Amino acid sequence: MSDETAAVEELPRAIARARYVRATPMKVRRVVELIKGRSAEEALAVLRFAPQSASDPVAKVLASAVANAENNLDLDPDTLWVSQAYVDEGPTLKRFRPRAQGRAYRIRKRTSHITVEVESRPKAEPKKAAAKSRKSSAKRSAS
């Protein structure tokens, strides 16, 4: 084990999955991209107001991941961030649609597996250097 791997501290993570969701993976991926890297609270707010119908199952999975972190790992929900979120393709249901002259067209009803992973990051403390730079810029603008 090298010094680099010892220096990198593994943050506590909680995972939630929804399998066999009746939505196409391509459409769900559009919604999942909206929440990657955001805080859990902000991601839930984004999903609440997203117009896509796939935002409902993604919001449920995110809420489940937050609940898993809170209840199973005793993590503070205010410190949770979406570290990973991805969508895998599930099995496709194949149906047939009757067409003219006795033909049949295949209809593919696709399913998705949604996975959301949240991690607990320590809250950032206000930096004194930022406060000092604001004061010095205020002095410059006053003179």
Protein backbone atom coordinates (compact mmCIF):
# COMPACT_ATOMS: atom_id res chain seq x y z
CA MET A 1 0.00 0.00 0.00
CA SER A 2 1.55 3.29 -1.07
CA ASP A 3 1.33 6.68 0.61
CA GLU A 4 -1.01 7.99 -2.10
CA THR A 5 -3.70 5.38 -1.46
CA ALA A 6 -3.45 5.90 2.28
CA ALA A 7 -3.82 9.68 1.84
CA VAL A 8 -7.03 9.31 -0.19
CA GLU A 9 -9.78 8.80 2.35
CA GLU A 10 -12.79 6.82 1.19
CA LEU A 11 -15.97 8.77 1.87
CA PRO A 12 -19.00 6.82 3.16
CA ARG A 13 -21.41 5.94 0.35
CA ALA A 14 -24.95 4.65 0.01
CA ILE A 15 -26.44 3.10 -3.11
CA ALA A 16 -30.01 2.65 -4.35
CA ARG A 17 -31.20 0.87 -7.48
CA ALA A 18 -34.47 0.62 -9.34
CA ARG A 19 -34.59 -2.27 -11.77
CA TYR A 20 -36.93 -2.98 -14.67
CA VAL A 21 -38.26 0.58 -14.85
CA ARG A 22 -40.53 0.92 -17.88
CA ALA A 23 -38.75 3.87 -19.47
CA THR A 24 -36.18 3.88 -22.24
CA PRO A 25 -32.59 4.19 -21.02
CA MET A 26 -31.88 7.04 -23.44
CA LYS A 27 -34.67 9.17 -21.97
CA VAL A 28 -33.72 8.36 -18.37
CA ARG A 29 -30.06 9.20 -19.02
CA ARG A 30 -31.09 12.75 -20.00
CA VAL A 31 -32.63 13.19 -16.56
CA VAL A 32 -29.77 11.51 -14.68
CA GLU A 33 -27.28 13.93 -16.24
CA LEU A 34 -29.14 16.79 -14.51
CA ILE A 35 -28.31 15.53 -11.00
CA LYS A 36 -24.71 14.30 -11.26
CA GLY A 37 -22.37 16.17 -8.93
CA ARG A 38 -25.11 18.10 -7.12
CA SER A 39 -26.04 18.00 -3.46
CA ALA A 40 -28.89 15.61 -2.68
CA GLU A 41 -31.26 18.44 -1.70
CA GLU A 42 -30.53 20.41 -4.87
CA ALA A 43 -30.86 17.29 -7.05
CA LEU A 44 -34.28 16.49 -5.58
CA ALA A 45 -35.39 20.08 -6.23
CA VAL A 46 -34.19 19.87 -9.84
CA LEU A 47 -36.05 16.58 -10.36
CA ARG A 48 -39.22 17.95 -8.77
CA PHE A 49 -39.47 20.64 -11.45
CA ALA A 50 -38.05 18.71 -14.42
CA PRO A 51 -40.70 18.29 -17.13
CA GLN A 52 -39.58 14.80 -18.20
CA SER A 53 -41.68 11.86 -17.04
CA ALA A 54 -38.49 9.92 -16.23
CA SER A 55 -37.76 12.37 -13.41
CA ASP A 56 -40.28 10.61 -11.11
CA PRO A 57 -38.50 7.22 -10.92
CA VAL A 58 -35.09 8.93 -10.72
CA ALA A 59 -36.33 11.08 -7.81
CA LYS A 60 -37.59 7.95 -6.04
CA VAL A 61 -34.20 6.25 -6.42
CA LEU A 62 -32.38 9.35 -5.16
CA ALA A 63 -34.72 9.63 -2.16
CA SER A 64 -34.12 5.95 -1.44
CA ALA A 65 -30.33 6.42 -1.57
CA VAL A 66 -30.62 9.35 0.87
CA ALA A 67 -32.80 7.23 3.19
CA ASN A 68 -30.31 4.35 2.99
CA ALA A 69 -27.48 6.70 3.95
CA GLU A 70 -29.47 8.17 6.83
CA ASN A 71 -30.88 4.95 8.28
CA ASN A 72 -28.23 2.32 7.49
CA LEU A 73 -25.03 4.37 7.73
CA ASP A 74 -26.14 7.13 10.17
CA LEU A 75 -25.08 9.91 7.78
CA ASP A 76 -26.36 13.47 7.90
CA PRO A 77 -28.67 14.04 4.89
CA ASP A 78 -27.47 17.66 4.59
CA THR A 79 -23.93 16.52 3.74
CA LEU A 80 -24.92 14.09 0.95
CA TRP A 81 -23.88 14.57 -2.67
CA VAL A 82 -24.67 12.55 -5.79
CA SER A 83 -21.31 10.96 -6.52
CA GLN A 84 -22.46 8.59 -9.26
CA ALA A 85 -25.68 8.11 -11.17
CA TYR A 86 -26.07 5.92 -14.21
CA VAL A 87 -28.65 4.01 -16.21
CA ASP A 88 -28.19 0.53 -17.65
CA GLU A 89 -30.41 -1.14 -20.20
CA GLY A 90 -32.79 -3.80 -18.92
CA PRO A 91 -34.60 -6.48 -20.88
CA THR A 92 -36.73 -5.38 -23.82
CA LEU A 93 -40.35 -6.49 -24.05
CA LYS A 94 -41.18 -7.40 -27.66
CA ARG A 95 -44.71 -6.78 -28.93
CA PHE A 96 -46.29 -6.85 -32.38
CA ARG A 97 -48.47 -4.26 -34.04
CA PRO A 98 -50.77 -5.33 -36.88
CA ARG A 99 -50.18 -3.48 -40.15
CA ALA A 100 -51.74 -3.47 -43.59
CA GLN A 101 -51.93 -6.58 -45.78
CA GLY A 102 -51.34 -9.02 -42.94
CA ARG A 103 -47.96 -7.68 -41.94
CA ALA A 104 -46.78 -7.10 -38.38
CA TYR A 105 -44.29 -4.53 -37.07
CA ARG A 106 -42.28 -5.18 -33.98
CA ILE A 107 -42.69 -2.77 -31.04
CA ARG A 108 -39.83 -2.70 -28.54
CA LYS A 109 -40.79 -1.66 -25.02
CA ARG A 110 -37.48 -0.96 -23.34
CA THR A 111 -36.68 -1.10 -19.62
CA SER A 112 -33.97 0.54 -17.52
CA HIS A 113 -31.96 -0.15 -14.39
CA ILE A 114 -31.34 3.15 -12.54
CA THR A 115 -28.50 3.37 -10.00
CA VAL A 116 -27.78 6.39 -7.79
CA GLU A 117 -24.86 6.57 -5.38
CA VAL A 118 -24.58 9.30 -2.74
CA GLU A 119 -21.57 10.09 -0.58
CA SER A 120 -21.18 12.16 2.54
CA ARG A 121 -18.82 15.10 2.12
CA PRO A 122 -17.88 17.23 5.10
CA LYS A 123 -19.43 20.67 5.06
CA ALA A 124 -17.08 23.37 3.80
CA GLU A 125 -16.13 25.87 6.46
CA PRO A 126 -16.12 29.56 5.54
CA LYS A 127 -12.61 30.53 4.49
CA LYS A 128 -10.92 33.47 6.17
CA ALA A 129 -8.92 34.28 3.04
CA ALA A 130 -12.11 34.90 1.08
CA ALA A 131 -13.34 37.31 3.75
CA LYS A 132 -10.03 39.19 3.70
CA SER A 133 -10.09 39.55 -0.08
CA ARG A 134 -13.63 40.97 0.08
CA LYS A 135 -12.52 43.57 2.63
CA SER A 136 -9.49 44.60 0.57
CA SER A 137 -11.57 44.90 -2.62
CA ALA A 138 -14.13 47.02 -0.72
CA LYS A 139 -11.33 49.35 0.44
CA ARG A 140 -10.03 49.68 -3.12
CA SER A 141 -13.44 50.54 -4.53
CA ALA A 142 -14.08 53.13 -1.75
CA SER A 143 -10.85 55.04 -2.53
